[in-house]
Protein backbone atom coordinates (compact mmCIF):
# COMPACT_ATOMS: atom_id res chain seq x y z
CA UNK A 1 157.28 61.81 115.86
CA UNK A 2 158.36 65.37 116.62
CA UNK A 3 160.73 66.62 113.94
CA UNK A 4 162.59 69.91 113.53
CA UNK A 5 163.51 71.19 110.08
CA UNK A 6 166.42 73.64 110.05
CA UNK A 7 165.89 76.02 107.14
CA UNK A 8 162.98 77.79 105.44
CA UNK A 9 164.18 77.87 101.85
CA UNK A 10 162.62 75.74 99.13
CA UNK A 11 164.30 72.55 100.38
CA UNK A 12 163.42 73.08 104.03
CA UNK A 13 159.78 73.93 103.32
CA UNK A 14 159.37 70.98 100.95
CA UNK A 15 160.78 68.65 103.61
CA UNK A 16 158.47 70.13 106.25
CA UNK A 17 155.48 69.61 103.96
CA UNK A 18 156.29 65.94 103.34
CA UNK A 19 156.96 65.26 107.02
CA UNK A 20 153.73 66.91 108.18
CA UNK A 21 151.84 65.07 105.45
CA UNK A 22 153.27 61.81 106.83
CA UNK A 23 151.87 62.64 110.27
CA UNK A 24 154.97 64.00 112.00
CA UNK A 25 154.66 66.95 114.40
CA UNK A 26 156.93 69.33 112.53
CA UNK A 27 158.58 72.62 113.41
CA UNK A 28 160.61 74.74 111.01
CA UNK A 29 163.38 76.81 112.59
CA UNK A 30 165.18 79.32 110.38
CA UNK A 31 167.25 82.46 110.71
CA UNK A 32 165.11 84.31 108.16
CA UNK A 33 161.74 83.96 106.40
CA UNK A 34 161.54 82.28 102.98
CA UNK A 35 161.52 85.58 101.11
CA UNK A 36 164.97 86.39 102.50
CA UNK A 37 166.59 83.08 101.56
CA UNK A 38 168.76 82.31 98.55
CA UNK A 39 165.79 80.41 97.10
CA UNK A 40 163.95 83.71 96.64
CA UNK A 41 166.76 85.01 94.39
CA UNK A 42 166.83 81.96 92.09
CA UNK A 43 166.02 82.38 88.42
CA UNK A 44 163.56 79.52 88.68
CA UNK A 45 164.01 77.42 85.52
CA UNK A 46 163.72 73.80 86.51
CA UNK A 47 166.56 71.69 85.19
CA UNK A 48 169.79 70.65 86.90
CA UNK A 49 173.27 71.84 85.92
CA UNK A 50 174.93 69.68 83.29
CA UNK A 51 178.08 69.31 85.35
CA UNK A 52 176.60 67.46 88.34
CA UNK A 53 177.48 63.74 87.96
CA UNK A 54 174.98 62.32 90.47
CA UNK A 55 172.60 59.56 89.37
CA UNK A 56 170.06 60.68 91.97
CA UNK A 57 169.68 64.02 90.18
CA UNK A 58 167.47 62.59 87.42
CA UNK A 59 165.11 60.93 89.90
CA UNK A 60 164.89 64.02 92.10
CA UNK A 61 164.26 66.25 89.08
CA UNK A 62 161.51 64.01 87.72
CA UNK A 63 159.81 63.90 91.14
CA UNK A 64 159.90 67.68 91.51
CA UNK A 65 158.43 68.19 88.05
CA UNK A 66 155.65 65.70 88.83
CA UNK A 67 154.80 67.50 92.08
CA UNK A 68 154.72 70.92 90.43
CA UNK A 69 152.46 69.65 87.65
CA UNK A 70 149.99 68.41 90.24
CA UNK A 71 150.05 71.43 92.55
CA UNK A 72 148.79 74.13 90.16
CA UNK A 73 150.49 76.61 92.49
CA UNK A 74 150.79 80.35 91.88
CA UNK A 75 154.11 81.41 90.44
CA UNK A 76 154.58 78.16 88.48
CA UNK A 77 154.19 77.98 84.68
CA UNK A 78 155.25 75.21 82.32
CA UNK A 79 156.98 76.63 79.25
CA UNK A 80 159.07 75.38 76.37
CA UNK A 81 162.57 76.75 75.97
CA UNK A 82 166.05 76.19 74.63
CA UNK A 83 169.46 75.39 76.06
CA UNK A 84 172.57 75.95 73.93
CA UNK A 85 175.27 73.40 74.80
CA UNK A 86 179.03 73.66 74.16
CA UNK A 87 179.98 72.23 70.76
CA UNK A 88 179.92 68.43 70.75
CA UNK A 89 178.61 68.09 74.30
CA UNK A 90 176.69 64.84 74.92
CA UNK A 91 173.06 64.76 75.96
CA UNK A 92 172.84 65.61 79.67
CA UNK A 93 171.79 62.69 81.88
CA UNK A 94 168.70 64.55 83.08
CA UNK A 95 167.24 65.13 79.60
CA UNK A 96 164.79 62.16 79.78
CA UNK A 97 163.14 63.81 82.80
CA UNK A 98 162.03 66.73 80.60
CA UNK A 99 158.84 66.79 78.54
CA UNK A 100 159.18 66.35 74.76
CA UNK A 101 162.96 66.87 74.51
CA UNK A 102 164.37 67.55 71.06
CA UNK A 103 168.01 68.03 70.07
CA UNK A 104 169.11 69.87 66.94
CA UNK A 105 172.91 70.02 66.82
CA UNK A 106 174.01 71.67 70.05
CA UNK A 107 170.57 73.12 70.74
CA UNK A 108 168.19 71.39 73.17
CA UNK A 109 164.49 72.18 73.37
CA UNK A 110 162.14 70.89 76.05
CA UNK A 111 159.28 71.89 78.32
CA UNK A 112 159.85 72.45 82.01
CA UNK A 113 158.61 74.51 84.96
CA UNK A 114 159.43 78.18 85.41
CA UNK A 115 159.04 79.13 89.07
CA UNK A 116 158.64 82.71 90.26
CA UNK A 117 160.28 81.78 93.52
CA UNK A 118 159.09 84.54 95.90
CA UNK A 119 155.48 83.93 94.84
CA UNK A 120 155.81 80.16 95.13
CA UNK A 121 157.60 80.31 98.49
CA UNK A 122 154.81 82.45 99.98
CA UNK A 123 152.25 79.91 98.79
CA UNK A 124 154.29 76.96 100.07
CA UNK A 125 154.73 78.59 103.49
CA UNK A 126 150.95 78.99 103.73
CA UNK A 127 150.44 75.34 102.74
CA UNK A 128 152.97 74.14 105.31
CA UNK A 129 151.27 76.13 108.06
CA UNK A 130 147.90 74.77 106.98
CA UNK A 131 149.27 71.28 107.67
CA UNK A 132 149.98 72.32 111.26
CA UNK A 133 153.70 73.04 110.93
CA UNK A 134 155.07 75.60 113.39
CA UNK A 135 157.52 78.14 111.95
CA UNK A 136 160.05 79.91 114.18
CA UNK A 137 162.55 82.52 113.04
CA UNK A 138 165.70 82.42 115.15
CA UNK A 139 169.35 81.59 114.46
CA UNK A 140 170.59 78.07 115.11
CA UNK A 141 174.14 77.56 116.36
CA UNK A 142 173.86 73.79 116.83
CA UNK A 143 171.64 70.82 115.99
CA UNK A 144 172.22 69.31 119.43
CA UNK A 145 169.16 68.87 121.62
CA UNK A 146 166.64 69.23 118.80
CA UNK A 147 165.80 65.53 118.65
CA UNK A 148 165.09 64.20 115.16
CA UNK A 149 166.12 67.04 112.85
CA UNK A 150 166.48 67.71 109.14
CA UNK A 151 169.50 69.85 108.34
CA UNK A 152 168.27 71.81 105.32
CA UNK A 153 169.68 75.18 106.32
CA UNK A 154 171.27 76.03 102.99
CA UNK A 155 174.62 77.70 103.37
CA UNK A 156 174.44 77.43 107.17
CA UNK A 157 173.97 73.66 106.93
CA UNK A 158 177.68 73.06 106.43
CA UNK A 159 178.55 74.90 109.61
CA UNK A 160 175.86 73.07 111.56
CA UNK A 161 177.21 69.74 110.27
CA UNK A 162 180.90 70.63 110.68
CA UNK A 163 181.29 70.15 106.92
CA UNK A 164 184.09 72.28 105.48
CA UNK A 165 183.32 71.18 101.92
CA UNK A 166 180.41 73.63 101.69
CA UNK A 167 181.27 76.91 99.95
CA UNK A 168 179.19 79.93 98.94
CA UNK A 169 178.97 80.56 95.21
CA UNK A 170 177.71 84.05 94.48
CA UNK A 171 175.17 84.58 91.76
CA UNK A 172 173.99 87.97 90.53
CA UNK A 173 170.83 88.32 88.46
CA UNK A 174 169.01 91.25 86.89
CA UNK A 175 165.23 91.66 86.64
CA UNK A 176 163.92 93.30 83.47
CA UNK A 177 160.37 94.07 82.43
CA UNK A 178 158.84 91.16 80.52
CA UNK A 179 157.91 92.09 76.93
CA UNK A 180 155.80 88.94 76.73
CA UNK A 181 158.48 86.32 76.10
CA UNK A 182 156.89 82.92 75.43
CA UNK A 183 159.94 80.79 76.25
CA UNK A 184 163.10 80.63 78.34
CA UNK A 185 166.65 80.55 76.94
CA UNK A 186 169.96 79.39 78.40
CA UNK A 187 173.38 79.69 76.77
CA UNK A 188 176.04 77.38 78.21
CA UNK A 189 178.55 77.85 75.38
CA UNK A 190 180.57 80.66 76.94
CA UNK A 191 182.91 80.83 79.90
CA UNK A 192 179.83 81.70 81.96
CA UNK A 193 176.15 80.88 81.62
CA UNK A 194 173.63 83.39 80.31
CA UNK A 195 169.94 82.81 80.91
CA UNK A 196 166.63 84.52 80.27
CA UNK A 197 163.68 83.27 82.36
CA UNK A 198 160.34 85.05 81.86
CA UNK A 199 157.77 85.16 84.65
CA UNK A 200 155.10 87.38 83.12
CA UNK A 201 155.65 90.47 85.25
CA UNK A 202 159.43 90.34 84.92
CA UNK A 203 162.31 88.43 83.34
CA UNK A 204 165.18 87.05 85.44
CA UNK A 205 168.46 87.49 83.55
CA UNK A 206 171.73 86.03 84.66
CA UNK A 207 174.15 85.31 85.71
CA UNK A 208 177.43 84.85 87.53
CA UNK A 209 179.23 82.11 89.45
CA UNK A 210 181.62 83.49 92.06
CA UNK A 211 183.00 80.82 94.42
CA UNK A 212 183.83 82.12 97.87
CA UNK A 213 181.81 85.32 97.59
CA UNK A 214 180.60 86.55 100.95
CA UNK A 215 178.50 89.66 100.21
CA UNK A 216 175.19 90.24 98.45
CA UNK A 217 175.76 93.75 97.11
CA UNK A 218 175.04 93.99 93.35
CA UNK A 219 177.88 95.22 91.15
CA UNK A 220 176.70 97.83 88.58
CA UNK A 221 179.34 96.71 86.08
CA UNK A 222 178.15 93.11 86.37
CA UNK A 223 174.56 94.28 85.93
CA UNK A 224 175.49 95.98 82.65
CA UNK A 225 177.35 92.88 81.43
CA UNK A 226 174.43 90.57 82.26
CA UNK A 227 171.98 92.84 80.43
CA UNK A 228 174.27 92.94 77.37
CA UNK A 229 174.71 89.16 77.24
CA UNK A 230 171.02 88.46 77.75
CA UNK A 231 169.95 90.92 75.06
CA UNK A 232 172.30 89.15 72.66
CA UNK A 233 170.70 85.83 73.65
CA UNK A 234 167.15 87.23 73.44
CA UNK A 235 166.95 90.36 71.21
CA UNK A 236 163.33 91.00 72.26
CA UNK A 237 164.76 92.31 75.56
CA UNK A 238 166.37 95.26 73.80
CA UNK A 239 163.78 97.76 75.02
CA UNK A 240 163.10 96.08 78.37
CA UNK A 241 163.64 98.27 81.42
CA UNK A 242 165.97 97.22 84.26
CA UNK A 243 163.94 96.81 87.45
CA UNK A 244 166.53 95.63 89.98
CA UNK A 245 169.71 93.60 90.53
CA UNK A 246 169.99 91.01 93.30
CA UNK A 247 172.67 88.62 94.55
CA UNK A 248 172.30 85.23 96.19
CA UNK A 249 174.88 82.93 97.76
CA UNK A 250 174.33 79.40 96.50
CA UNK A 251 175.09 76.61 99.03
CA UNK A 252 177.51 74.58 96.91
CA UNK A 253 178.97 71.18 97.65
CA UNK A 254 180.54 68.79 95.14
CA UNK A 255 177.67 66.37 95.78
CA UNK A 256 174.35 66.90 97.51
CA UNK A 257 174.51 65.42 100.98
CA UNK A 258 171.33 63.48 101.70
CA UNK A 259 171.83 60.85 104.37
CA UNK A 260 170.84 59.96 107.90
CA UNK A 261 173.33 60.20 110.76
CA UNK A 262 171.60 59.12 113.95
CA UNK A 263 168.78 61.57 114.65
CA UNK A 264 169.94 63.97 111.94
CA UNK A 265 169.00 63.75 108.28
CA UNK A 266 171.31 65.98 106.28
CA UNK A 267 169.88 67.51 103.11
CA UNK A 268 172.12 70.26 101.78
CA UNK A 269 174.63 71.27 99.15
CA UNK A 270 172.17 71.81 96.29
CA UNK A 271 174.03 74.80 94.87
CA UNK A 272 171.77 76.54 92.36
CA UNK A 273 169.51 73.49 91.97
CA UNK A 274 167.37 73.71 95.10
CA UNK A 275 164.26 74.58 93.11
CA UNK A 276 164.91 71.66 90.76
CA UNK A 277 165.62 69.00 93.38
CA UNK A 278 163.53 70.06 96.39
CA UNK A 279 160.53 67.74 96.14
CA UNK A 280 162.59 64.73 95.11
CA UNK A 281 164.91 65.27 98.06
CA UNK A 282 161.98 65.85 100.41
CA UNK A 283 160.56 62.43 99.53
CA UNK A 284 163.88 60.79 100.39
CA UNK A 285 164.11 62.75 103.66
CA UNK A 286 160.63 61.56 104.72
CA UNK A 287 161.58 57.96 103.90
CA UNK A 288 164.79 58.19 105.91
CA UNK A 289 163.01 59.55 108.97
CA UNK A 290 160.29 56.91 108.75
CA UNK A 291 162.80 54.06 108.53
CA UNK A 292 163.42 52.11 111.76
């Protein structure tokens, strides 16, 4: 079967990989290369947001972790870390998907994947091409006439599907030099989330959640606030040098849309969890397209 995948972010490339692996003649069409997608801005710690009440999330997360463990891909390291929950918060539903989870009061510790997303996306693009997938960079204004197609175009997927429930949620992060941090840290106790995700060459510090944001210009005041909060969370960053600030627009929807509608399989609305859910979703997409 000839299949088109709309989108070259982490979800689109994972879907293209699974489809080509299943024997489909696959073409990826995207407005920009992977390094220019929102996926490339992601902090890259693999666990889903606590607030997403979707039973599929646990299965998708477990599948993605299993794939990453088996790939031994550049840019992926498994590290232990901590998540600080709001006082009295219950265990998140996804916790069993993590390796060796331990709870001490409102502090969770577990092992998960840290993904340096630009490095991993470059590797994944090479692997997809090695499977014979064609990659074309051009804007899509419609899914009509493409035949069987996977709508994994991130923020543009809502427009292509006529889905007004998709909204951009801006997220600014700051890259600092990595002083050799052995673990990640996330603080969910405040009005916003602070996180410190080390990747060896740099640390991704965040972040912000700005529903409806339409630009990707970093705000210097926000940069300073992120650095302050992350140094409070991880004091070893005190002498770390600021390298850059970047902004991504997360493709948010109340629930991930993954379903088949005729010749179209929709796979979008992952918000900031594309890295976490990509391989689990890709398996479902391949199953849907293979079904009679």
